[in-house]
Amino acid sequence: MDSVLAGTTSKITATFKDETGAAVTVVNAMTLTIYERDSLTIVNTKNGTDVSSSFSAGTLTLTLTAADNAMVTAAESEIHIVLIEWTYGGTKKGKKEIPILVYLVDKAH
């Protein structure tokens, strides 16, 4: 699992496979949802946000902003789930969850 300091910018790169294991290189639509795993709180209003334009030649490249990596609980760390959903080949659908550990700076050091 990747980790990121809360309130900083990060980058996600992902590839996708179809039901046969072949690379998906063309999508009809692709959306992004970011939520905190335990509370299910949506992060930075990213709920079904269209990210199709960030998908090219079989790879999705996203820059998550500082607000996308903001803490939404009072904990010292939390897990955000980056959920990517896509349609391809007309009516076929896919989903991928990418967990990210978001943490606060240890102020003691």
C-alpha atoms as a PDB file:
ATOM      1  CA  MET A   1       0.000   0.000   0.000  1.00  0.00           C
ATOM      2  CA  ASP A   2       1.286   3.437  -0.902  1.00  0.00           C
ATOM      3  CA  SER A   3       1.406   6.143   1.764  1.00  0.00           C
ATOM      4  CA  VAL A   4       1.250   9.926   1.588  1.00  0.00           C
ATOM      5  CA  LEU A   5       1.652  12.761   4.055  1.00  0.00           C
ATOM      6  CA  ALA A   6      -1.733  14.393   4.689  1.00  0.00           C
ATOM      7  CA  GLY A   7      -2.299  17.609   2.775  1.00  0.00           C
ATOM      8  CA  THR A   8       0.312  16.943   0.100  1.00  0.00           C
ATOM      9  CA  THR A   9       0.098  16.213  -3.618  1.00  0.00           C
ATOM     10  CA  SER A  10       0.630  12.668  -4.913  1.00  0.00           C
ATOM     11  CA  LYS A  11       0.438  10.732  -8.155  1.00  0.00           C
ATOM     12  CA  ILE A  12      -1.345   7.489  -9.042  1.00  0.00           C
ATOM     13  CA  THR A  13      -0.623   5.407 -12.115  1.00  0.00           C
ATOM     14  CA  ALA A  14      -2.732   2.338 -12.856  1.00  0.00           C
ATOM     15  CA  THR A  15      -3.364  -0.123 -15.656  1.00  0.00           C
ATOM     16  CA  PHE A  16      -6.487  -2.206 -16.193  1.00  0.00           C
ATOM     17  CA  LYS A  17      -7.317  -5.700 -17.418  1.00  0.00           C
ATOM     18  CA  ASP A  18     -10.466  -7.179 -18.902  1.00  0.00           C
ATOM     19  CA  GLU A  19     -12.148 -10.439 -17.918  1.00  0.00           C
ATOM     20  CA  THR A  20      -9.591 -12.435 -19.930  1.00  0.00           C
ATOM     21  CA  GLY A  21      -6.571 -10.711 -18.395  1.00  0.00           C
ATOM     22  CA  ALA A  22      -5.842  -8.633 -21.488  1.00  0.00           C
ATOM     23  CA  ALA A  23      -4.996  -4.953 -21.092  1.00  0.00           C
ATOM     24  CA  VAL A  24      -7.895  -2.520 -21.447  1.00  0.00           C
ATOM     25  CA  THR A  25      -6.648   0.179 -23.800  1.00  0.00           C
ATOM     26  CA  VAL A  26      -9.915   1.955 -24.674  1.00  0.00           C
ATOM     27  CA  VAL A  27     -12.658   2.935 -22.230  1.00  0.00           C
ATOM     28  CA  ASN A  28     -16.142   4.316 -22.817  1.00  0.00           C
ATOM     29  CA  ALA A  29     -16.176   6.089 -19.448  1.00  0.00           C
ATOM     30  CA  MET A  30     -14.019   6.204 -16.302  1.00  0.00           C
ATOM     31  CA  THR A  31     -14.822   7.724 -12.904  1.00  0.00           C
ATOM     32  CA  LEU A  32     -13.006   8.328  -9.633  1.00  0.00           C
ATOM     33  CA  THR A  33     -14.333   8.187  -6.081  1.00  0.00           C
ATOM     34  CA  ILE A  34     -12.122   8.770  -3.025  1.00  0.00           C
ATOM     35  CA  TYR A  35     -13.409   7.781   0.413  1.00  0.00           C
ATOM     36  CA  GLU A  36     -12.057   7.084   3.880  1.00  0.00           C
ATOM     37  CA  ARG A  37     -12.232   3.325   4.439  1.00  0.00           C
ATOM     38  CA  ASP A  38     -13.742   3.150   7.944  1.00  0.00           C
ATOM     39  CA  SER A  39     -16.180   6.070   7.973  1.00  0.00           C
ATOM     40  CA  LEU A  40     -16.965   5.887   4.214  1.00  0.00           C
ATOM     41  CA  THR A  41     -16.647   9.682   4.135  1.00  0.00           C
ATOM     42  CA  ILE A  42     -16.152  11.044   0.619  1.00  0.00           C
ATOM     43  CA  VAL A  43     -12.891  12.995   0.359  1.00  0.00           C
ATOM     44  CA  ASN A  44     -12.853  16.384  -1.389  1.00  0.00           C
ATOM     45  CA  THR A  45     -16.217  15.761  -3.112  1.00  0.00           C
ATOM     46  CA  LYS A  46     -14.563  13.139  -5.348  1.00  0.00           C
ATOM     47  CA  ASN A  47     -17.619  10.959  -5.922  1.00  0.00           C
ATOM     48  CA  GLY A  48     -18.027   9.665  -9.463  1.00  0.00           C
ATOM     49  CA  THR A  49     -15.738  12.340 -10.905  1.00  0.00           C
ATOM     50  CA  ASP A  50     -15.033  11.828 -14.621  1.00  0.00           C
ATOM     51  CA  VAL A  51     -11.348  10.992 -15.181  1.00  0.00           C
ATOM     52  CA  SER A  52     -11.616   9.594 -18.719  1.00  0.00           C
ATOM     53  CA  SER A  53      -9.321  12.302 -20.054  1.00  0.00           C
ATOM     54  CA  SER A  54      -6.534  11.035 -17.736  1.00  0.00           C
ATOM     55  CA  PHE A  55      -6.611   7.571 -19.365  1.00  0.00           C
ATOM     56  CA  SER A  56      -4.344   7.051 -22.366  1.00  0.00           C
ATOM     57  CA  ALA A  57      -2.887   3.991 -24.100  1.00  0.00           C
ATOM     58  CA  GLY A  58      -4.059   1.679 -21.326  1.00  0.00           C
ATOM     59  CA  THR A  59      -2.752   3.729 -18.398  1.00  0.00           C
ATOM     60  CA  LEU A  60      -4.519   6.065 -15.983  1.00  0.00           C
ATOM     61  CA  THR A  61      -2.322   8.794 -14.530  1.00  0.00           C
ATOM     62  CA  LEU A  62      -3.856  10.978 -11.833  1.00  0.00           C
ATOM     63  CA  THR A  63      -2.479  13.754  -9.687  1.00  0.00           C
ATOM     64  CA  LEU A  64      -4.197  13.786  -6.314  1.00  0.00           C
ATOM     65  CA  THR A  65      -4.259  17.291  -4.851  1.00  0.00           C
ATOM     66  CA  ALA A  66      -3.538  18.254  -1.263  1.00  0.00           C
ATOM     67  CA  ALA A  67      -7.318  18.355  -0.683  1.00  0.00           C
ATOM     68  CA  ASP A  68      -7.632  14.822  -2.110  1.00  0.00           C
ATOM     69  CA  ASN A  69      -5.114  13.689   0.529  1.00  0.00           C
ATOM     70  CA  ALA A  70      -6.653  15.586   3.451  1.00  0.00           C
ATOM     71  CA  MET A  71      -7.448  13.860   6.729  1.00  0.00           C
ATOM     72  CA  VAL A  72     -11.187  13.454   7.318  1.00  0.00           C
ATOM     73  CA  THR A  73     -11.013  11.863  10.786  1.00  0.00           C
ATOM     74  CA  ALA A  74      -9.302  12.864  14.041  1.00  0.00           C
ATOM     75  CA  ALA A  75      -6.908   9.903  13.812  1.00  0.00           C
ATOM     76  CA  GLU A  76      -3.149  10.165  13.230  1.00  0.00           C
ATOM     77  CA  SER A  77      -3.553   8.125  10.062  1.00  0.00           C
ATOM     78  CA  GLU A  78      -6.358   6.749   7.922  1.00  0.00           C
ATOM     79  CA  ILE A  79      -6.789   4.705   4.790  1.00  0.00           C
ATOM     80  CA  HIS A  80      -8.305   6.323   1.743  1.00  0.00           C
ATOM     81  CA  ILE A  81      -9.715   4.135  -0.995  1.00  0.00           C
ATOM     82  CA  VAL A  82      -9.310   5.434  -4.533  1.00  0.00           C
ATOM     83  CA  LEU A  83     -12.082   3.667  -6.439  1.00  0.00           C
ATOM     84  CA  ILE A  84     -11.820   3.663 -10.222  1.00  0.00           C
ATOM     85  CA  GLU A  85     -14.835   2.424 -12.205  1.00  0.00           C
ATOM     86  CA  TRP A  86     -14.885   2.089 -15.977  1.00  0.00           C
ATOM     87  CA  THR A  87     -16.913   0.773 -18.877  1.00  0.00           C
ATOM     88  CA  TYR A  88     -15.348  -0.704 -21.974  1.00  0.00           C
ATOM     89  CA  GLY A  89     -16.302  -2.777 -24.976  1.00  0.00           C
ATOM     90  CA  GLY A  90     -19.794  -1.281 -25.016  1.00  0.00           C
ATOM     91  CA  THR A  91     -21.447  -2.625 -21.847  1.00  0.00           C
ATOM     92  CA  LYS A  92     -18.605  -4.310 -19.931  1.00  0.00           C
ATOM     93  CA  LYS A  93     -17.677  -2.853 -16.532  1.00  0.00           C
ATOM     94  CA  GLY A  94     -14.611  -2.881 -14.323  1.00  0.00           C
ATOM     95  CA  LYS A  95     -13.615  -1.619 -10.872  1.00  0.00           C
ATOM     96  CA  LYS A  96     -10.294  -1.175  -9.122  1.00  0.00           C
ATOM     97  CA  GLU A  97      -9.675  -0.102  -5.534  1.00  0.00           C
ATOM     98  CA  ILE A  98      -6.345   1.463  -4.634  1.00  0.00           C
ATOM     99  CA  PRO A  99      -5.752   1.881  -0.874  1.00  0.00           C
ATOM    100  CA  ILE A 100      -3.558   4.757   0.286  1.00  0.00           C
ATOM    101  CA  LEU A 101      -2.361   5.317   3.845  1.00  0.00           C
ATOM    102  CA  VAL A 102      -2.709   9.029   4.671  1.00  0.00           C
ATOM    103  CA  TYR A 103      -0.806  10.118   7.771  1.00  0.00           C
ATOM    104  CA  LEU A 104       0.058  13.180   9.813  1.00  0.00           C
ATOM    105  CA  VAL A 105       3.613  14.283  10.497  1.00  0.00           C
ATOM    106  CA  ASP A 106       4.989  12.977  13.769  1.00  0.00           C
ATOM    107  CA  LYS A 107       5.392  16.287  15.610  1.00  0.00           C
ATOM    108  CA  ALA A 108       7.772  14.751  18.158  1.00  0.00           C
ATOM    109  CA  HIS A 109      10.566  14.455  15.565  1.00  0.00           C
END
